[in-house]
Structures are given as C-alpha cells and as structure tokens.
C-alpha cells in the first residue's frame, strides 16, 4: 500500500480563513472512502486541546468530514488503529514530539502511515514527518527524550520559511540558521517551505503544491529555488 502525506507550511495565509488556502488539496488528498479524520492537538500550548479541536473540527466539517481528537479517546492506541486518516496540527514542535513519546504513539503512527494511512500535518505537524525536529523554528519549551521524529520523509522541512531580512536586525537570518544545521548535518537536505506551500507524497512521488517556490538547502551545493513544475524527486532517494 502506498504512503500518502500532505505536509503544509502553515494553517492560515494572511487575509484568509483557517486552512482556506489548502481546502482543494485536502479534499483531493482525502479519498472518497474517508469519512472522518483523527486529529492530534498535542502541539497546542497556549490554547486548550478542546478549543484547538473545535477549530479543526469546524473546518473539516465544512469540507465534509467528521473530526475526532485523540485527546477525547479513552484508548489512544485504539483510536490510531481505527483511524481513517491522521491530522497533526501546528504549535510547538518540541511539545508535540514530547507528547508523542509520552503517550507511546510514535511507533504506531509510523507503522500505520507507512502502510497507507493518510497523514496531514501543518507547521509542527510537518516537522513531525521528518527524520528529526532539528529544523523547526520553535523554542525548546519542552524536552522530548529524543529529537527523532516519524521519519516519513528522508529530508528535513523548515516550515514558515522566509528569506526576508529586517532592516537593522543583527540576528541570524533563516538561511544562516539553516547553514549552521547543514555544517553539523552535511548529508541532509532541507526544504524551506514558504507559507501557502504544501508537499504531497503519494507512494514515493513527491510534489510541491501551491503558488510559491520552495528553497532546497544542502551543504555540498548552493541553495536552489524550485517551483511546482520542477522535480523534487531526488529528495526521496
């Protein structure tokens, strides 16, 4: 069975509603036999899980799907085993990964997604699909036992990527931070995923969706921009 992933940079574009920019991609991604999704709200820190779930549930109801949250289930393992699709929301990636380890669901989610369970993630949820969470933008406000994440794709993602430089700002740019990562991890590719952009994996085929280009970084070569018309298949090798 083919692996199916939809990885979003962000949940809300400027001037648009919640997940509005990805409605068509989400509906196309979730096949006709899928009637409901299991939401994992563990990245939330500043808002309660119930509030976060209601926001996601409202959007997926508009799209024609029921949404249940794992935190509402009495048995997390059973919830994952019976899920038709998994949705992992954004927030703080360190807290998200910590909760995956605490609840002992990481290996089970990996097992099910590798066997065809559709996975949708945005921001921290996209970080979770990578081998590690080392290219997140978040502060380490929580301490997971490891930085190792699901490893559903063989490359790293930097969500909310921007190459904008603020006038007068003397701190490191995003590109400089990613360059630091590459010095320590010279064999790893990183995709700078701009807001409004999505990566879709069907089996081993990788596609960039959305109107914006993505920037790919590697220690051995100059960073390069790729549009949706370009092949990113080398990242899956």
Foldseek 3Di string as FASTA:
>chain_A
DFFKEKEALAQDDPPDDGNPLCLVVVLVRQDPVAAAAEEEAQQDDPDDPVVVQVRVQVVVVVSRHGYHYLVPDPQNLVCLVPGQAYEYEHHALLRSLQVCVVNVCQVVNLVVSRVPHYYYYYQSSNQLCAQFNVQEPHDNPDHHPDRGHSHNADAGEYRQADQDDDPPDDDDGSVVVVLVVCVVVQVHKYKHHHHSWMWIAIRLAIFIDGAAWIWIDHNVDDIDTDGRVDGPSVRRD
